[in-house]
């Protein structure tokens, strides 16, 4: 059995906003609307986003995906994270 380890950098809010090209309010509105993944807690007062999630969602936007298609990408990313958190 082959075990594959997936490692993704964790990016803080200012980096995520820069990569997305949106402001903080729009970013959090997108999370509430299901158009972006919620952050991962990395400490009691710190959160970050896995770099692969930013890349996947930016690629979906660049490809011209609709909001409903992007919501599907968000769900797929969340499922991927849930499955991998138990491995």
C-alpha atoms as a PDB file:
ATOM      1  CA  UNK A   1       0.000   0.000   0.000  1.00  0.00           C
ATOM      2  CA  UNK A   2       1.391   3.361  -1.024  1.00  0.00           C
ATOM      3  CA  UNK A   3       0.856   6.280   1.337  1.00  0.00           C
ATOM      4  CA  UNK A   4       1.029   9.750  -0.134  1.00  0.00           C
ATOM      5  CA  UNK A   5       1.672  12.761   2.049  1.00  0.00           C
ATOM      6  CA  UNK A   6       0.166  16.049   0.927  1.00  0.00           C
ATOM      7  CA  UNK A   7       1.727  19.192   2.350  1.00  0.00           C
ATOM      8  CA  UNK A   8       0.346  22.638   1.638  1.00  0.00           C
ATOM      9  CA  UNK A   9       1.695  25.947   2.857  1.00  0.00           C
ATOM     10  CA  UNK A  10      -0.582  27.935   5.143  1.00  0.00           C
ATOM     11  CA  UNK A  11      -1.160  31.520   4.076  1.00  0.00           C
ATOM     12  CA  UNK A  12      -2.227  34.322   6.393  1.00  0.00           C
ATOM     13  CA  UNK A  13      -5.016  36.776   5.591  1.00  0.00           C
ATOM     14  CA  UNK A  14      -2.935  39.571   4.066  1.00  0.00           C
ATOM     15  CA  UNK A  15      -1.330  37.142   1.626  1.00  0.00           C
ATOM     16  CA  UNK A  16      -4.687  35.579   0.728  1.00  0.00           C
ATOM     17  CA  UNK A  17      -6.230  38.995   0.079  1.00  0.00           C
ATOM     18  CA  UNK A  18      -3.304  39.935  -2.125  1.00  0.00           C
ATOM     19  CA  UNK A  19      -3.519  36.704  -4.124  1.00  0.00           C
ATOM     20  CA  UNK A  20      -7.284  37.055  -4.541  1.00  0.00           C
ATOM     21  CA  UNK A  21      -7.282  40.748  -5.317  1.00  0.00           C
ATOM     22  CA  UNK A  22     -10.169  41.516  -2.961  1.00  0.00           C
ATOM     23  CA  UNK A  23     -10.576  43.380   0.307  1.00  0.00           C
ATOM     24  CA  UNK A  24     -11.213  41.891   3.729  1.00  0.00           C
ATOM     25  CA  UNK A  25     -14.983  42.558   3.695  1.00  0.00           C
ATOM     26  CA  UNK A  26     -15.446  40.924   0.293  1.00  0.00           C
ATOM     27  CA  UNK A  27     -13.307  37.963   1.365  1.00  0.00           C
ATOM     28  CA  UNK A  28     -15.416  37.282   4.453  1.00  0.00           C
ATOM     29  CA  UNK A  29     -18.640  37.875   2.482  1.00  0.00           C
ATOM     30  CA  UNK A  30     -17.455  35.196   0.033  1.00  0.00           C
ATOM     31  CA  UNK A  31     -16.866  32.777   2.917  1.00  0.00           C
ATOM     32  CA  UNK A  32     -20.394  33.431   4.226  1.00  0.00           C
ATOM     33  CA  UNK A  33     -21.803  32.926   0.711  1.00  0.00           C
ATOM     34  CA  UNK A  34     -19.980  29.620   0.233  1.00  0.00           C
ATOM     35  CA  UNK A  35     -17.715  31.080  -2.438  1.00  0.00           C
ATOM     36  CA  UNK A  36     -14.530  30.593  -0.427  1.00  0.00           C
ATOM     37  CA  UNK A  37     -13.299  28.144   2.177  1.00  0.00           C
ATOM     38  CA  UNK A  38     -13.219  29.135   5.837  1.00  0.00           C
ATOM     39  CA  UNK A  39      -9.837  29.536   7.518  1.00  0.00           C
ATOM     40  CA  UNK A  40      -7.975  26.878   9.458  1.00  0.00           C
ATOM     41  CA  UNK A  41      -7.221  27.762  13.073  1.00  0.00           C
ATOM     42  CA  UNK A  42      -3.457  27.638  13.634  1.00  0.00           C
ATOM     43  CA  UNK A  43      -3.490  29.105  17.121  1.00  0.00           C
ATOM     44  CA  UNK A  44      -5.797  30.644  19.668  1.00  0.00           C
ATOM     45  CA  UNK A  45      -5.826  33.959  17.798  1.00  0.00           C
ATOM     46  CA  UNK A  46      -4.469  33.000  14.388  1.00  0.00           C
ATOM     47  CA  UNK A  47      -6.010  31.592  11.212  1.00  0.00           C
ATOM     48  CA  UNK A  48      -4.683  30.722   7.780  1.00  0.00           C
ATOM     49  CA  UNK A  49      -5.731  29.120   4.489  1.00  0.00           C
ATOM     50  CA  UNK A  50      -4.028  26.185   2.765  1.00  0.00           C
ATOM     51  CA  UNK A  51      -2.256  27.442  -0.367  1.00  0.00           C
ATOM     52  CA  UNK A  52      -3.777  24.700  -2.536  1.00  0.00           C
ATOM     53  CA  UNK A  53      -7.264  26.022  -1.726  1.00  0.00           C
ATOM     54  CA  UNK A  54      -6.343  29.536  -2.848  1.00  0.00           C
ATOM     55  CA  UNK A  55      -4.846  28.123  -6.054  1.00  0.00           C
ATOM     56  CA  UNK A  56      -7.909  25.960  -6.792  1.00  0.00           C
ATOM     57  CA  UNK A  57     -10.391  28.774  -6.221  1.00  0.00           C
ATOM     58  CA  UNK A  58      -8.352  31.300  -8.203  1.00  0.00           C
ATOM     59  CA  UNK A  59      -8.098  28.785 -11.068  1.00  0.00           C
ATOM     60  CA  UNK A  60     -11.887  28.334 -10.993  1.00  0.00           C
ATOM     61  CA  UNK A  61     -12.406  32.117 -11.205  1.00  0.00           C
ATOM     62  CA  UNK A  62      -9.874  32.439 -14.027  1.00  0.00           C
ATOM     63  CA  UNK A  63     -11.620  29.606 -15.888  1.00  0.00           C
ATOM     64  CA  UNK A  64     -14.870  31.589 -15.739  1.00  0.00           C
ATOM     65  CA  UNK A  65     -16.766  29.214 -13.466  1.00  0.00           C
ATOM     66  CA  UNK A  66     -20.149  30.396 -12.228  1.00  0.00           C
ATOM     67  CA  UNK A  67     -20.801  31.060  -8.543  1.00  0.00           C
ATOM     68  CA  UNK A  68     -22.647  27.727  -8.279  1.00  0.00           C
ATOM     69  CA  UNK A  69     -19.688  25.897  -9.817  1.00  0.00           C
ATOM     70  CA  UNK A  70     -17.328  27.643  -7.406  1.00  0.00           C
ATOM     71  CA  UNK A  71     -19.540  26.611  -4.472  1.00  0.00           C
ATOM     72  CA  UNK A  72     -19.085  23.019  -5.690  1.00  0.00           C
ATOM     73  CA  UNK A  73     -15.297  23.507  -5.693  1.00  0.00           C
ATOM     74  CA  UNK A  74     -15.516  24.837  -2.114  1.00  0.00           C
ATOM     75  CA  UNK A  75     -17.531  21.784  -1.045  1.00  0.00           C
ATOM     76  CA  UNK A  76     -15.042  19.460  -2.761  1.00  0.00           C
ATOM     77  CA  UNK A  77     -12.155  21.157  -0.942  1.00  0.00           C
ATOM     78  CA  UNK A  78     -13.927  20.871   2.415  1.00  0.00           C
ATOM     79  CA  UNK A  79     -14.657  17.171   1.820  1.00  0.00           C
ATOM     80  CA  UNK A  80     -11.024  16.624   0.809  1.00  0.00           C
ATOM     81  CA  UNK A  81      -9.893  18.255   4.062  1.00  0.00           C
ATOM     82  CA  UNK A  82     -12.295  16.154   6.138  1.00  0.00           C
ATOM     83  CA  UNK A  83     -11.190  12.906   4.523  1.00  0.00           C
ATOM     84  CA  UNK A  84      -7.496  13.742   4.895  1.00  0.00           C
ATOM     85  CA  UNK A  85      -7.846  14.820   8.517  1.00  0.00           C
ATOM     86  CA  UNK A  86      -8.720  11.230   9.436  1.00  0.00           C
ATOM     87  CA  UNK A  87      -5.803   9.611   7.600  1.00  0.00           C
END
